C-alpha atoms as a PDB file:
ATOM      1  CA  UNK A   1     -49.013 -24.655  64.357  1.00  0.00           C
ATOM      2  CA  UNK A   2     -46.897 -22.596  66.804  1.00  0.00           C
ATOM      3  CA  UNK A   3     -46.515 -19.106  68.220  1.00  0.00           C
ATOM      4  CA  UNK A   4     -43.459 -16.999  68.928  1.00  0.00           C
ATOM      5  CA  UNK A   5     -43.782 -13.914  71.112  1.00  0.00           C
ATOM      6  CA  UNK A   6     -47.564 -14.057  70.675  1.00  0.00           C
ATOM      7  CA  UNK A   7     -47.478 -14.179  66.852  1.00  0.00           C
ATOM      8  CA  UNK A   8     -49.131 -17.277  65.402  1.00  0.00           C
ATOM      9  CA  UNK A   9     -47.541 -19.125  62.474  1.00  0.00           C
ATOM     10  CA  UNK A  10     -49.732 -21.592  60.659  1.00  0.00           C
ATOM     11  CA  UNK A  11     -47.706 -22.243  57.512  1.00  0.00           C
ATOM     12  CA  UNK A  12     -46.652 -25.805  56.680  1.00  0.00           C
ATOM     13  CA  UNK A  13     -43.780 -26.895  58.875  1.00  0.00           C
ATOM     14  CA  UNK A  14     -41.839 -29.817  60.304  1.00  0.00           C
ATOM     15  CA  UNK A  15     -41.175 -29.788  64.029  1.00  0.00           C
ATOM     16  CA  UNK A  16     -38.608 -32.095  65.615  1.00  0.00           C
ATOM     17  CA  UNK A  17     -38.561 -32.457  69.395  1.00  0.00           C
ATOM     18  CA  UNK A  18     -35.731 -33.701  71.620  1.00  0.00           C
ATOM     19  CA  UNK A  19     -35.885 -34.020  75.413  1.00  0.00           C
ATOM     20  CA  UNK A  20     -32.468 -33.394  76.974  1.00  0.00           C
ATOM     21  CA  UNK A  21     -31.882 -34.534  80.556  1.00  0.00           C
ATOM     22  CA  UNK A  22     -29.331 -32.121  82.004  1.00  0.00           C
ATOM     23  CA  UNK A  23     -27.195 -32.976  85.025  1.00  0.00           C
ATOM     24  CA  UNK A  24     -25.299 -30.656  87.341  1.00  0.00           C
ATOM     25  CA  UNK A  25     -21.522 -30.360  87.572  1.00  0.00           C
ATOM     26  CA  UNK A  26     -21.449 -32.552  90.693  1.00  0.00           C
ATOM     27  CA  UNK A  27     -22.524 -35.603  88.678  1.00  0.00           C
ATOM     28  CA  UNK A  28     -19.829 -38.156  88.158  1.00  0.00           C
ATOM     29  CA  UNK A  29     -18.197 -41.392  89.195  1.00  0.00           C
ATOM     30  CA  UNK A  30     -18.234 -42.039  92.947  1.00  0.00           C
ATOM     31  CA  UNK A  31     -15.530 -43.858  94.907  1.00  0.00           C
ATOM     32  CA  UNK A  32     -17.683 -47.023  94.987  1.00  0.00           C
ATOM     33  CA  UNK A  33     -17.519 -47.039  91.157  1.00  0.00           C
ATOM     34  CA  UNK A  34     -21.178 -46.081  90.771  1.00  0.00           C
ATOM     35  CA  UNK A  35     -22.193 -43.109  88.670  1.00  0.00           C
ATOM     36  CA  UNK A  36     -24.037 -40.362  90.555  1.00  0.00           C
ATOM     37  CA  UNK A  37     -26.275 -38.385  88.222  1.00  0.00           C
ATOM     38  CA  UNK A  38     -27.572 -35.169  89.780  1.00  0.00           C
ATOM     39  CA  UNK A  39     -30.310 -34.538  87.222  1.00  0.00           C
ATOM     40  CA  UNK A  40     -31.464 -30.930  87.125  1.00  0.00           C
ATOM     41  CA  UNK A  41     -34.407 -31.685  84.866  1.00  0.00           C
ATOM     42  CA  UNK A  42     -35.630 -32.313  81.352  1.00  0.00           C
ATOM     43  CA  UNK A  43     -35.185 -29.472  78.877  1.00  0.00           C
ATOM     44  CA  UNK A  44     -37.091 -29.456  75.587  1.00  0.00           C
ATOM     45  CA  UNK A  45     -35.310 -28.713  72.331  1.00  0.00           C
ATOM     46  CA  UNK A  46     -37.379 -28.030  69.222  1.00  0.00           C
ATOM     47  CA  UNK A  47     -36.116 -27.695  65.661  1.00  0.00           C
ATOM     48  CA  UNK A  48     -38.703 -26.059  63.405  1.00  0.00           C
ATOM     49  CA  UNK A  49     -38.518 -25.935  59.603  1.00  0.00           C
ATOM     50  CA  UNK A  50     -41.068 -23.638  57.965  1.00  0.00           C
ATOM     51  CA  UNK A  51     -42.085 -23.316  54.356  1.00  0.00           C
ATOM     52  CA  UNK A  52     -43.571 -19.884  53.731  1.00  0.00           C
ATOM     53  CA  UNK A  53     -45.570 -19.876  50.472  1.00  0.00           C
ATOM     54  CA  UNK A  54     -44.601 -17.619  47.568  1.00  0.00           C
ATOM     55  CA  UNK A  55     -46.302 -14.272  47.921  1.00  0.00           C
ATOM     56  CA  UNK A  56     -45.978 -14.308  51.715  1.00  0.00           C
ATOM     57  CA  UNK A  57     -42.455 -12.882  51.803  1.00  0.00           C
ATOM     58  CA  UNK A  58     -43.489 -10.150  54.274  1.00  0.00           C
ATOM     59  CA  UNK A  59     -44.461 -12.853  56.803  1.00  0.00           C
ATOM     60  CA  UNK A  60     -41.155 -14.590  56.150  1.00  0.00           C
ATOM     61  CA  UNK A  61     -39.174 -11.401  56.772  1.00  0.00           C
ATOM     62  CA  UNK A  62     -41.178 -10.632  59.914  1.00  0.00           C
ATOM     63  CA  UNK A  63     -40.550 -14.114  61.367  1.00  0.00           C
ATOM     64  CA  UNK A  64     -36.853 -14.005  60.481  1.00  0.00           C
ATOM     65  CA  UNK A  65     -36.485 -10.587  62.122  1.00  0.00           C
ATOM     66  CA  UNK A  66     -38.244 -11.743  65.303  1.00  0.00           C
ATOM     67  CA  UNK A  67     -36.126 -14.886  65.585  1.00  0.00           C
ATOM     68  CA  UNK A  68     -32.840 -13.041  64.976  1.00  0.00           C
ATOM     69  CA  UNK A  69     -33.496 -10.309  67.557  1.00  0.00           C
ATOM     70  CA  UNK A  70     -30.543 -10.346  69.968  1.00  0.00           C
ATOM     71  CA  UNK A  71     -32.645 -11.084  73.058  1.00  0.00           C
ATOM     72  CA  UNK A  72     -32.032 -13.631  75.782  1.00  0.00           C
ATOM     73  CA  UNK A  73     -35.328 -15.473  75.199  1.00  0.00           C
ATOM     74  CA  UNK A  74     -38.635 -15.641  73.351  1.00  0.00           C
ATOM     75  CA  UNK A  75     -41.986 -17.054  74.444  1.00  0.00           C
ATOM     76  CA  UNK A  76     -43.134 -20.047  72.391  1.00  0.00           C
ATOM     77  CA  UNK A  77     -46.213 -22.211  72.208  1.00  0.00           C
ATOM     78  CA  UNK A  78     -45.275 -25.478  70.512  1.00  0.00           C
ATOM     79  CA  UNK A  79     -46.907 -28.881  69.978  1.00  0.00           C
ATOM     80  CA  UNK A  80     -46.587 -31.242  72.927  1.00  0.00           C
ATOM     81  CA  UNK A  81     -48.249 -34.650  73.001  1.00  0.00           C
ATOM     82  CA  UNK A  82     -51.845 -34.080  71.839  1.00  0.00           C
ATOM     83  CA  UNK A  83     -51.856 -30.399  72.772  1.00  0.00           C
ATOM     84  CA  UNK A  84     -49.287 -27.672  73.157  1.00  0.00           C
ATOM     85  CA  UNK A  85     -46.787 -26.407  75.702  1.00  0.00           C
ATOM     86  CA  UNK A  86     -45.738 -22.844  76.463  1.00  0.00           C
ATOM     87  CA  UNK A  87     -42.034 -22.342  77.094  1.00  0.00           C
ATOM     88  CA  UNK A  88     -39.588 -19.515  77.382  1.00  0.00           C
ATOM     89  CA  UNK A  89     -36.615 -20.468  75.261  1.00  0.00           C
ATOM     90  CA  UNK A  90     -33.458 -19.297  73.607  1.00  0.00           C
ATOM     91  CA  UNK A  91     -33.028 -19.538  69.859  1.00  0.00           C
ATOM     92  CA  UNK A  92     -29.669 -21.209  69.259  1.00  0.00           C
ATOM     93  CA  UNK A  93     -29.475 -21.080  65.470  1.00  0.00           C
ATOM     94  CA  UNK A  94     -31.400 -20.022  62.398  1.00  0.00           C
ATOM     95  CA  UNK A  95     -30.788 -21.107  58.823  1.00  0.00           C
ATOM     96  CA  UNK A  96     -32.473 -20.476  55.509  1.00  0.00           C
ATOM     97  CA  UNK A  97     -31.744 -20.813  51.786  1.00  0.00           C
ATOM     98  CA  UNK A  98     -31.259 -18.119  49.135  1.00  0.00           C
ATOM     99  CA  UNK A  99     -32.758 -19.373  45.883  1.00  0.00           C
ATOM    100  CA  UNK A 100     -32.520 -17.713  42.468  1.00  0.00           C
ATOM    101  CA  UNK A 101     -35.122 -18.969  40.016  1.00  0.00           C
ATOM    102  CA  UNK A 102     -34.834 -19.330  36.223  1.00  0.00           C
ATOM    103  CA  UNK A 103     -36.886 -16.161  35.682  1.00  0.00           C
ATOM    104  CA  UNK A 104     -34.252 -14.190  37.635  1.00  0.00           C
ATOM    105  CA  UNK A 105     -36.343 -13.693  40.751  1.00  0.00           C
ATOM    106  CA  UNK A 106     -34.760 -14.440  44.112  1.00  0.00           C
ATOM    107  CA  UNK A 107     -36.344 -15.753  47.282  1.00  0.00           C
ATOM    108  CA  UNK A 108     -35.253 -16.672  50.781  1.00  0.00           C
ATOM    109  CA  UNK A 109     -36.857 -20.027  51.582  1.00  0.00           C
ATOM    110  CA  UNK A 110     -37.199 -22.499  54.412  1.00  0.00           C
ATOM    111  CA  UNK A 111     -36.437 -20.930  57.763  1.00  0.00           C
ATOM    112  CA  UNK A 112     -35.077 -23.581  60.109  1.00  0.00           C
ATOM    113  CA  UNK A 113     -34.446 -22.686  63.751  1.00  0.00           C
ATOM    114  CA  UNK A 114     -33.726 -24.419  67.032  1.00  0.00           C
ATOM    115  CA  UNK A 115     -35.099 -23.340  70.400  1.00  0.00           C
ATOM    116  CA  UNK A 116     -34.176 -24.799  73.805  1.00  0.00           C
ATOM    117  CA  UNK A 117     -36.292 -24.189  76.901  1.00  0.00           C
ATOM    118  CA  UNK A 118     -34.590 -21.940  79.461  1.00  0.00           C
ATOM    119  CA  UNK A 119     -35.904 -23.948  82.399  1.00  0.00           C
ATOM    120  CA  UNK A 120     -36.693 -27.628  82.767  1.00  0.00           C
ATOM    121  CA  UNK A 121     -40.167 -28.770  81.825  1.00  0.00           C
ATOM    122  CA  UNK A 122     -39.838 -31.803  84.104  1.00  0.00           C
ATOM    123  CA  UNK A 123     -38.123 -31.972  87.500  1.00  0.00           C
ATOM    124  CA  UNK A 124     -38.273 -34.107  90.643  1.00  0.00           C
ATOM    125  CA  UNK A 125     -38.360 -33.048  94.255  1.00  0.00           C
ATOM    126  CA  UNK A 126     -35.856 -34.737  96.572  1.00  0.00           C
ATOM    127  CA  UNK A 127     -38.659 -36.933  97.962  1.00  0.00           C
ATOM    128  CA  UNK A 128     -39.682 -38.058  94.464  1.00  0.00           C
ATOM    129  CA  UNK A 129     -36.063 -38.822  93.572  1.00  0.00           C
ATOM    130  CA  UNK A 130     -35.551 -40.941  96.690  1.00  0.00           C
ATOM    131  CA  UNK A 131     -38.857 -42.763  96.082  1.00  0.00           C
ATOM    132  CA  UNK A 132     -37.549 -43.703  92.627  1.00  0.00           C
ATOM    133  CA  UNK A 133     -34.380 -45.140  94.161  1.00  0.00           C
ATOM    134  CA  UNK A 134     -32.039 -42.275  93.354  1.00  0.00           C
ATOM    135  CA  UNK A 135     -29.445 -41.902  96.107  1.00  0.00           C
ATOM    136  CA  UNK A 136     -29.456 -38.363  97.500  1.00  0.00           C
ATOM    137  CA  UNK A 137     -26.283 -36.400  98.024  1.00  0.00           C
ATOM    138  CA  UNK A 138     -24.743 -36.413 101.505  1.00  0.00           C
ATOM    139  CA  UNK A 139     -26.528 -34.700 104.385  1.00  0.00           C
ATOM    140  CA  UNK A 140     -24.782 -31.596 105.654  1.00  0.00           C
ATOM    141  CA  UNK A 141     -22.245 -33.129 108.039  1.00  0.00           C
ATOM    142  CA  UNK A 142     -19.630 -30.393 107.843  1.00  0.00           C
ATOM    143  CA  UNK A 143     -17.171 -32.662 106.082  1.00  0.00           C
ATOM    144  CA  UNK A 144     -13.557 -31.729 105.684  1.00  0.00           C
ATOM    145  CA  UNK A 145     -12.074 -31.451 102.238  1.00  0.00           C
ATOM    146  CA  UNK A 146     -11.782 -34.975 100.901  1.00  0.00           C
ATOM    147  CA  UNK A 147     -14.061 -36.508 103.600  1.00  0.00           C
ATOM    148  CA  UNK A 148     -15.382 -39.970 102.758  1.00  0.00           C
ATOM    149  CA  UNK A 149     -19.008 -40.959 103.352  1.00  0.00           C
ATOM    150  CA  UNK A 150     -21.108 -44.099 102.990  1.00  0.00           C
ATOM    151  CA  UNK A 151     -24.864 -44.200 102.480  1.00  0.00           C
ATOM    152  CA  UNK A 152     -26.755 -46.548 104.853  1.00  0.00           C
ATOM    153  CA  UNK A 153     -30.049 -46.310 102.980  1.00  0.00           C
ATOM    154  CA  UNK A 154     -31.223 -43.278 104.919  1.00  0.00           C
ATOM    155  CA  UNK A 155     -28.250 -41.086 105.762  1.00  0.00           C
ATOM    156  CA  UNK A 156     -24.706 -40.340 104.675  1.00  0.00           C
ATOM    157  CA  UNK A 157     -22.208 -41.172 107.405  1.00  0.00           C
ATOM    158  CA  UNK A 158     -18.569 -40.095 107.544  1.00  0.00           C
ATOM    159  CA  UNK A 159     -16.098 -42.949 107.304  1.00  0.00           C
ATOM    160  CA  UNK A 160     -12.433 -42.906 108.220  1.00  0.00           C
ATOM    161  CA  UNK A 161     -10.052 -45.025 106.211  1.00  0.00           C
ATOM    162  CA  UNK A 162      -6.607 -46.043 107.384  1.00  0.00           C
ATOM    163  CA  UNK A 163      -3.744 -45.551 105.045  1.00  0.00           C
ATOM    164  CA  UNK A 164      -0.527 -47.579 104.984  1.00  0.00           C
ATOM    165  CA  UNK A 165       1.010 -45.080 107.435  1.00  0.00           C
ATOM    166  CA  UNK A 166      -1.689 -46.029 110.019  1.00  0.00           C
ATOM    167  CA  UNK A 167      -3.214 -42.564 109.912  1.00  0.00           C
ATOM    168  CA  UNK A 168      -6.992 -42.256 109.646  1.00  0.00           C
ATOM    169  CA  UNK A 169      -8.192 -40.245 106.707  1.00  0.00           C
END
């Protein structure tokens, strides 16, 4: 079903997938009251819940130990559309359940973990963004702090505004 750091896991599992579109810190409301969204890209977030059968506790322990290693990332191969996708991702959380049975035996059951890709799986070049109608950020015009610009459909142009004291800003 999936691999982590080259180890394949084929036990029954549920895999939830979320695509998160992340924007940069310069995104926000512009002076013309339009929202500028500087999208960095689409990051995949998977939540995997695994049921390891009784008698396979060694596999369970091995997977838990791999996922809880204090490393910055793991390599994953996870389902994507009708195939799979390989990502490098960070494990954000891991949970499982300690269960004591009537016969006195105890078992850790149901590892559930979340992994988020470290880099976007989908991005746009500036040309692709403009072709889709996304307004690019201002050209480098050496603006002063607080400079105002207007977009004419092709370029950002500096604009001076007069204040009540008749000074151009």
